[in-house]
PDB file of N, CA and C in Angstrom:
ATOM      1  N   MET A   1     -46.054   6.801 -15.531  1.00  0.00           N
ATOM      2  CA  MET A   1     -46.776   5.962 -16.479  1.00  0.00           C
ATOM      3  C   MET A   1     -46.240   4.537 -16.439  1.00  0.00           C
ATOM      4  N   PHE A   2     -47.052   3.638 -16.842  1.00  0.00           N
ATOM      5  CA  PHE A   2     -46.668   2.245 -16.908  1.00  0.00           C
ATOM      6  C   PHE A   2     -46.096   1.909 -18.277  1.00  0.00           C
ATOM      7  N   LEU A   3     -45.325   0.833 -18.332  1.00  0.00           N
ATOM      8  CA  LEU A   3     -44.757   0.362 -19.594  1.00  0.00           C
ATOM      9  C   LEU A   3     -45.853   0.185 -20.637  1.00  0.00           C
ATOM     10  N   SER A   4     -46.959  -0.419 -20.237  1.00  0.00           N
ATOM     11  CA  SER A   4     -48.049  -0.674 -21.192  1.00  0.00           C
ATOM     12  C   SER A   4     -48.552   0.628 -21.811  1.00  0.00           C
ATOM     13  N   GLU A   5     -48.740   1.653 -20.989  1.00  0.00           N
ATOM     14  CA  GLU A   5     -49.218   2.944 -21.496  1.00  0.00           C
ATOM     15  C   GLU A   5     -48.177   3.594 -22.401  1.00  0.00           C
ATOM     16  N   ASN A   6     -46.909   3.450 -22.041  1.00  0.00           N
ATOM     17  CA  ASN A   6     -45.843   4.064 -22.826  1.00  0.00           C
ATOM     18  C   ASN A   6     -45.664   3.391 -24.180  1.00  0.00           C
ATOM     19  N   ILE A   7     -45.831   2.085 -24.228  1.00  0.00           N
ATOM     20  CA  ILE A   7     -45.735   1.398 -25.522  1.00  0.00           C
ATOM     21  C   ILE A   7     -46.780   1.972 -26.470  1.00  0.00           C
ATOM     22  N   ARG A   8     -48.010   2.066 -25.989  1.00  0.00           N
ATOM     23  CA  ARG A   8     -49.089   2.610 -26.821  1.00  0.00           C
ATOM     24  C   ARG A   8     -48.811   4.059 -27.196  1.00  0.00           C
ATOM     25  N   LYS A   9     -48.435   4.872 -26.212  1.00  0.00           N
ATOM     26  CA  LYS A   9     -48.192   6.293 -26.448  1.00  0.00           C
ATOM     27  C   LYS A   9     -47.116   6.515 -27.507  1.00  0.00           C
ATOM     28  N   TYR A  10     -45.981   5.850 -27.360  1.00  0.00           N
ATOM     29  CA  TYR A  10     -44.884   6.056 -28.308  1.00  0.00           C
ATOM     30  C   TYR A  10     -45.163   5.402 -29.659  1.00  0.00           C
ATOM     31  N   ARG A  11     -45.919   4.305 -29.655  1.00  0.00           N
ATOM     32  CA  ARG A  11     -46.291   3.677 -30.933  1.00  0.00           C
ATOM     33  C   ARG A  11     -47.189   4.617 -31.725  1.00  0.00           C
ATOM     34  N   GLU A  12     -48.185   5.180 -31.059  1.00  0.00           N
ATOM     35  CA  GLU A  12     -49.092   6.110 -31.726  1.00  0.00           C
ATOM     36  C   GLU A  12     -48.350   7.374 -32.165  1.00  0.00           C
ATOM     37  N   LYS A  13     -47.453   7.861 -31.330  1.00  0.00           N
ATOM     38  CA  LYS A  13     -46.666   9.047 -31.672  1.00  0.00           C
ATOM     39  C   LYS A  13     -45.815   8.796 -32.921  1.00  0.00           C
ATOM     40  N   ALA A  14     -45.339   7.557 -33.073  1.00  0.00           N
ATOM     41  CA  ALA A  14     -44.533   7.198 -34.242  1.00  0.00           C
ATOM     42  C   ALA A  14     -45.393   6.910 -35.468  1.00  0.00           C
ATOM     43  N   GLY A  15     -46.700   6.826 -35.278  1.00  0.00           N
ATOM     44  CA  GLY A  15     -47.596   6.553 -36.400  1.00  0.00           C
ATOM     45  C   GLY A  15     -47.521   5.119 -36.886  1.00  0.00           C
ATOM     46  N   ILE A  16     -47.271   4.197 -35.968  1.00  0.00           N
ATOM     47  CA  ILE A  16     -47.115   2.782 -36.307  1.00  0.00           C
ATOM     48  C   ILE A  16     -48.287   2.002 -35.714  1.00  0.00           C
ATOM     49  N   SER A  17     -48.864   1.111 -36.494  1.00  0.00           N
ATOM     50  CA  SER A  17     -49.970   0.277 -36.001  1.00  0.00           C
ATOM     51  C   SER A  17     -49.414  -0.862 -35.146  1.00  0.00           C
ATOM     52  N   GLN A  18     -50.288  -1.484 -34.382  1.00  0.00           N
ATOM     53  CA  GLN A  18     -49.887  -2.658 -33.600  1.00  0.00           C
ATOM     54  C   GLN A  18     -49.337  -3.741 -34.522  1.00  0.00           C
ATOM     55  N   THR A  19     -49.985  -3.927 -35.645  1.00  0.00           N
ATOM     56  CA  THR A  19     -49.559  -4.952 -36.601  1.00  0.00           C
ATOM     57  C   THR A  19     -48.169  -4.656 -37.144  1.00  0.00           C
ATOM     58  N   GLN A  20     -47.914  -3.403 -37.478  1.00  0.00           N
ATOM     59  CA  GLN A  20     -46.596  -3.030 -38.000  1.00  0.00           C
ATOM     60  C   GLN A  20     -45.510  -3.231 -36.943  1.00  0.00           C
ATOM     61  N   LEU A  21     -45.772  -2.796 -35.724  1.00  0.00           N
ATOM     62  CA  LEU A  21     -44.799  -2.961 -34.646  1.00  0.00           C
ATOM     63  C   LEU A  21     -44.530  -4.435 -34.393  1.00  0.00           C
ATOM     64  N   ALA A  22     -45.584  -5.219 -34.372  1.00  0.00           N
ATOM     65  CA  ALA A  22     -45.441  -6.661 -34.138  1.00  0.00           C
ATOM     66  C   ALA A  22     -44.558  -7.303 -35.208  1.00  0.00           C
ATOM     67  N   LYS A  23     -44.779  -6.932 -36.447  1.00  0.00           N
ATOM     68  CA  LYS A  23     -44.006  -7.513 -37.548  1.00  0.00           C
ATOM     69  C   LYS A  23     -42.523  -7.168 -37.414  1.00  0.00           C
ATOM     70  N   VAL A  24     -42.220  -5.910 -37.064  1.00  0.00           N
ATOM     71  CA  VAL A  24     -40.829  -5.480 -36.958  1.00  0.00           C
ATOM     72  C   VAL A  24     -40.111  -6.178 -35.800  1.00  0.00           C
ATOM     73  N   VAL A  25     -40.779  -6.320 -34.666  1.00  0.00           N
ATOM     74  CA  VAL A  25     -40.113  -6.910 -33.499  1.00  0.00           C
ATOM     75  C   VAL A  25     -40.270  -8.432 -33.417  1.00  0.00           C
ATOM     76  N   GLY A  26     -41.040  -9.005 -34.333  1.00  0.00           N
ATOM     77  CA  GLY A  26     -41.118 -10.468 -34.427  1.00  0.00           C
ATOM     78  C   GLY A  26     -42.068 -11.143 -33.467  1.00  0.00           C
ATOM     79  N   VAL A  27     -43.177 -10.467 -33.159  1.00  0.00           N
ATOM     80  CA  VAL A  27     -44.200 -11.097 -32.330  1.00  0.00           C
ATOM     81  C   VAL A  27     -45.543 -10.994 -33.042  1.00  0.00           C
ATOM     82  N   ASP A  28     -46.544 -11.637 -32.486  1.00  0.00           N
ATOM     83  CA  ASP A  28     -47.893 -11.581 -33.026  1.00  0.00           C
ATOM     84  C   ASP A  28     -48.553 -10.258 -32.621  1.00  0.00           C
ATOM     85  N   GLN A  29     -49.450  -9.752 -33.429  1.00  0.00           N
ATOM     86  CA  GLN A  29     -50.158  -8.500 -33.125  1.00  0.00           C
ATOM     87  C   GLN A  29     -50.877  -8.600 -31.800  1.00  0.00           C
ATOM     88  N   SER A  30     -51.386  -9.776 -31.473  1.00  0.00           N
ATOM     89  CA  SER A  30     -52.097  -9.937 -30.204  1.00  0.00           C
ATOM     90  C   SER A  30     -51.163  -9.742 -29.015  1.00  0.00           C
ATOM     91  N   ALA A  31     -49.877 -10.035 -29.182  1.00  0.00           N
ATOM     92  CA  ALA A  31     -48.912  -9.805 -28.105  1.00  0.00           C
ATOM     93  C   ALA A  31     -48.749  -8.313 -27.835  1.00  0.00           C
ATOM     94  N   ILE A  32     -48.715  -7.505 -28.901  1.00  0.00           N
ATOM     95  CA  ILE A  32     -48.618  -6.053 -28.739  1.00  0.00           C
ATOM     96  C   ILE A  32     -49.874  -5.543 -28.049  1.00  0.00           C
ATOM     97  N   CYS A  33     -51.015  -6.030 -28.461  1.00  0.00           N
ATOM     98  CA  CYS A  33     -52.285  -5.641 -27.845  1.00  0.00           C
ATOM     99  C   CYS A  33     -52.270  -5.966 -26.350  1.00  0.00           C
ATOM    100  N   LYS A  34     -51.829  -7.160 -26.005  1.00  0.00           N
ATOM    101  CA  LYS A  34     -51.774  -7.576 -24.595  1.00  0.00           C
ATOM    102  C   LYS A  34     -50.769  -6.738 -23.810  1.00  0.00           C
ATOM    103  N   MET A  35     -49.629  -6.390 -24.435  1.00  0.00           N
ATOM    104  CA  MET A  35     -48.645  -5.526 -23.768  1.00  0.00           C
ATOM    105  C   MET A  35     -49.267  -4.174 -23.446  1.00  0.00           C
ATOM    106  N   GLU A  36     -49.982  -3.612 -24.407  1.00  0.00           N
ATOM    107  CA  GLU A  36     -50.587  -2.295 -24.218  1.00  0.00           C
ATOM    108  C   GLU A  36     -51.714  -2.312 -23.193  1.00  0.00           C
ATOM    109  N   LYS A  37     -52.298  -3.469 -22.960  1.00  0.00           N
ATOM    110  CA  LYS A  37     -53.343  -3.612 -21.940  1.00  0.00           C
ATOM    111  C   LYS A  37     -52.769  -4.022 -20.588  1.00  0.00           C
ATOM    112  N   GLY A  38     -51.455  -4.278 -20.540  1.00  0.00           N
ATOM    113  CA  GLY A  38     -50.818  -4.693 -19.302  1.00  0.00           C
ATOM    114  C   GLY A  38     -51.030  -6.152 -18.955  1.00  0.00           C
ATOM    115  N   LEU A  39     -51.446  -6.951 -19.943  1.00  0.00           N
ATOM    116  CA  LEU A  39     -51.709  -8.372 -19.716  1.00  0.00           C
ATOM    117  C   LEU A  39     -50.505  -9.258 -20.027  1.00  0.00           C
ATOM    118  N   PHE A  40     -49.490  -8.675 -20.645  1.00  0.00           N
ATOM    119  CA  PHE A  40     -48.289  -9.418 -21.034  1.00  0.00           C
ATOM    120  C   PHE A  40     -47.093  -8.508 -20.814  1.00  0.00           C
ATOM    121  N   ILE A  41     -46.121  -8.981 -20.048  1.00  0.00           N
ATOM    122  CA  ILE A  41     -44.914  -8.196 -19.802  1.00  0.00           C
ATOM    123  C   ILE A  41     -43.816  -8.726 -20.706  1.00  0.00           C
ATOM    124  N   PRO A  42     -43.290  -7.864 -21.591  1.00  0.00           N
ATOM    125  CA  PRO A  42     -42.268  -8.314 -22.533  1.00  0.00           C
ATOM    126  C   PRO A  42     -40.923  -8.540 -21.849  1.00  0.00           C
ATOM    127  N   THR A  43     -40.102  -9.357 -22.480  1.00  0.00           N
ATOM    128  CA  THR A  43     -38.746  -9.592 -21.996  1.00  0.00           C
ATOM    129  C   THR A  43     -37.914  -8.329 -22.199  1.00  0.00           C
ATOM    130  N   VAL A  44     -36.773  -8.273 -21.556  1.00  0.00           N
ATOM    131  CA  VAL A  44     -35.867  -7.131 -21.712  1.00  0.00           C
ATOM    132  C   VAL A  44     -35.438  -6.991 -23.164  1.00  0.00           C
ATOM    133  N   VAL A  45     -35.185  -8.104 -23.820  1.00  0.00           N
ATOM    134  CA  VAL A  45     -34.781  -8.078 -25.228  1.00  0.00           C
ATOM    135  C   VAL A  45     -35.892  -7.478 -26.083  1.00  0.00           C
ATOM    136  N   LEU A  46     -37.122  -7.857 -25.815  1.00  0.00           N
ATOM    137  CA  LEU A  46     -38.253  -7.334 -26.580  1.00  0.00           C
ATOM    138  C   LEU A  46     -38.466  -5.846 -26.286  1.00  0.00           C
ATOM    139  N   VAL A  47     -38.306  -5.438 -25.036  1.00  0.00           N
ATOM    140  CA  VAL A  47     -38.412  -4.016 -24.692  1.00  0.00           C
ATOM    141  C   VAL A  47     -37.370  -3.225 -25.474  1.00  0.00           C
ATOM    142  N   ASP A  48     -36.159  -3.756 -25.561  1.00  0.00           N
ATOM    143  CA  ASP A  48     -35.089  -3.096 -26.317  1.00  0.00           C
ATOM    144  C   ASP A  48     -35.464  -2.969 -27.795  1.00  0.00           C
ATOM    145  N   GLU A  49     -36.011  -4.027 -28.370  1.00  0.00           N
ATOM    146  CA  GLU A  49     -36.405  -4.000 -29.783  1.00  0.00           C
ATOM    147  C   GLU A  49     -37.542  -3.003 -30.022  1.00  0.00           C
ATOM    148  N   ILE A  50     -38.494  -2.959 -29.104  1.00  0.00           N
ATOM    149  CA  ILE A  50     -39.610  -2.024 -29.233  1.00  0.00           C
ATOM    150  C   ILE A  50     -39.102  -0.591 -29.123  1.00  0.00           C
ATOM    151  N   ALA A  51     -38.250  -0.327 -28.141  1.00  0.00           N
ATOM    152  CA  ALA A  51     -37.692   1.016 -27.962  1.00  0.00           C
ATOM    153  C   ALA A  51     -36.943   1.454 -29.217  1.00  0.00           C
ATOM    154  N   HIS A  52     -36.116   0.558 -29.738  1.00  0.00           N
ATOM    155  CA  HIS A  52     -35.353   0.885 -30.947  1.00  0.00           C
ATOM    156  C   HIS A  52     -36.291   1.188 -32.114  1.00  0.00           C
ATOM    157  N   THR A  53     -37.318   0.375 -32.287  1.00  0.00           N
ATOM    158  CA  THR A  53     -38.269   0.558 -33.379  1.00  0.00           C
ATOM    159  C   THR A  53     -39.027   1.876 -33.248  1.00  0.00           C
ATOM    160  N   LEU A  54     -39.356   2.251 -32.009  1.00  0.00           N
ATOM    161  CA  LEU A  54     -40.118   3.477 -31.778  1.00  0.00           C
ATOM    162  C   LEU A  54     -39.215   4.696 -31.612  1.00  0.00           C
ATOM    163  N   ASN A  55     -37.905   4.476 -31.724  1.00  0.00           N
ATOM    164  CA  ASN A  55     -36.920   5.558 -31.655  1.00  0.00           C
ATOM    165  C   ASN A  55     -36.960   6.292 -30.317  1.00  0.00           C
ATOM    166  N   VAL A  56     -37.060   5.517 -29.239  1.00  0.00           N
ATOM    167  CA  VAL A  56     -36.991   6.052 -27.883  1.00  0.00           C
ATOM    168  C   VAL A  56     -35.997   5.218 -27.095  1.00  0.00           C
ATOM    169  N   THR A  57     -35.581   5.719 -25.949  1.00  0.00           N
ATOM    170  CA  THR A  57     -34.686   4.946 -25.098  1.00  0.00           C
ATOM    171  C   THR A  57     -35.496   3.939 -24.285  1.00  0.00           C
ATOM    172  N   ILE A  58     -34.815   2.950 -23.768  1.00  0.00           N
ATOM    173  CA  ILE A  58     -35.485   1.979 -22.899  1.00  0.00           C
ATOM    174  C   ILE A  58     -36.041   2.702 -21.676  1.00  0.00           C
ATOM    175  N   ASP A  59     -35.274   3.648 -21.142  1.00  0.00           N
ATOM    176  CA  ASP A  59     -35.722   4.412 -19.989  1.00  0.00           C
ATOM    177  C   ASP A  59     -37.021   5.161 -20.285  1.00  0.00           C
ATOM    178  N   GLU A  60     -37.103   5.788 -21.453  1.00  0.00           N
ATOM    179  CA  GLU A  60     -38.330   6.489 -21.843  1.00  0.00           C
ATOM    180  C   GLU A  60     -39.488   5.512 -21.966  1.00  0.00           C
ATOM    181  N   LEU A  61     -39.227   4.352 -22.524  1.00  0.00           N
ATOM    182  CA  LEU A  61     -40.282   3.356 -22.691  1.00  0.00           C
ATOM    183  C   LEU A  61     -40.743   2.818 -21.333  1.00  0.00           C
ATOM    184  N   MET A  62     -39.815   2.650 -20.409  1.00  0.00           N
ATOM    185  CA  MET A  62     -40.150   2.110 -19.093  1.00  0.00           C
ATOM    186  C   MET A  62     -40.798   3.146 -18.176  1.00  0.00           C
ATOM    187  N   HIS A  63     -40.297   4.401 -18.244  1.00  0.00           N
ATOM    188  CA  HIS A  63     -40.700   5.390 -17.251  1.00  0.00           C
ATOM    189  C   HIS A  63     -41.369   6.624 -17.824  1.00  0.00           C
ATOM    190  N   GLY A  64     -41.431   6.758 -19.124  1.00  0.00           N
ATOM    191  CA  GLY A  64     -41.993   7.952 -19.735  1.00  0.00           C
ATOM    192  C   GLY A  64     -40.922   8.988 -19.985  1.00  0.00           C
ATOM    193  N   GLU A  65     -41.333  10.110 -20.525  1.00  0.00           N
ATOM    194  CA  GLU A  65     -40.391  11.179 -20.861  1.00  0.00           C
ATOM    195  C   GLU A  65     -39.750  11.740 -19.602  1.00  0.00           C
ATOM    196  N   SER A  66     -38.457  12.019 -19.705  1.00  0.00           N
ATOM    197  CA  SER A  66     -37.769  12.626 -18.560  1.00  0.00           C
ATOM    198  C   SER A  66     -38.141  14.092 -18.478  1.00  0.00           C
ATOM    199  N   THR A  67     -38.102  14.607 -17.269  1.00  0.00           N
ATOM    200  CA  THR A  67     -38.480  16.005 -17.077  1.00  0.00           C
ATOM    201  C   THR A  67     -37.281  16.895 -17.028  1.00  0.00           C
TER     202      THR A  67
END
């Protein structure tokens, strides 16, 4: 899976809206939307903040669930 798909998947699994995630990590809701569409690649710092907020590891967010 791609980072964009994983952001959406784990956000939905956590029951968090794009707006809520954006507010917690300090970006605009449109940035989350663009990330989930693969139109915007977040910085490493932002990936870390998103992973922490969604209670997953950076590896899970980048590559999906480990097998």
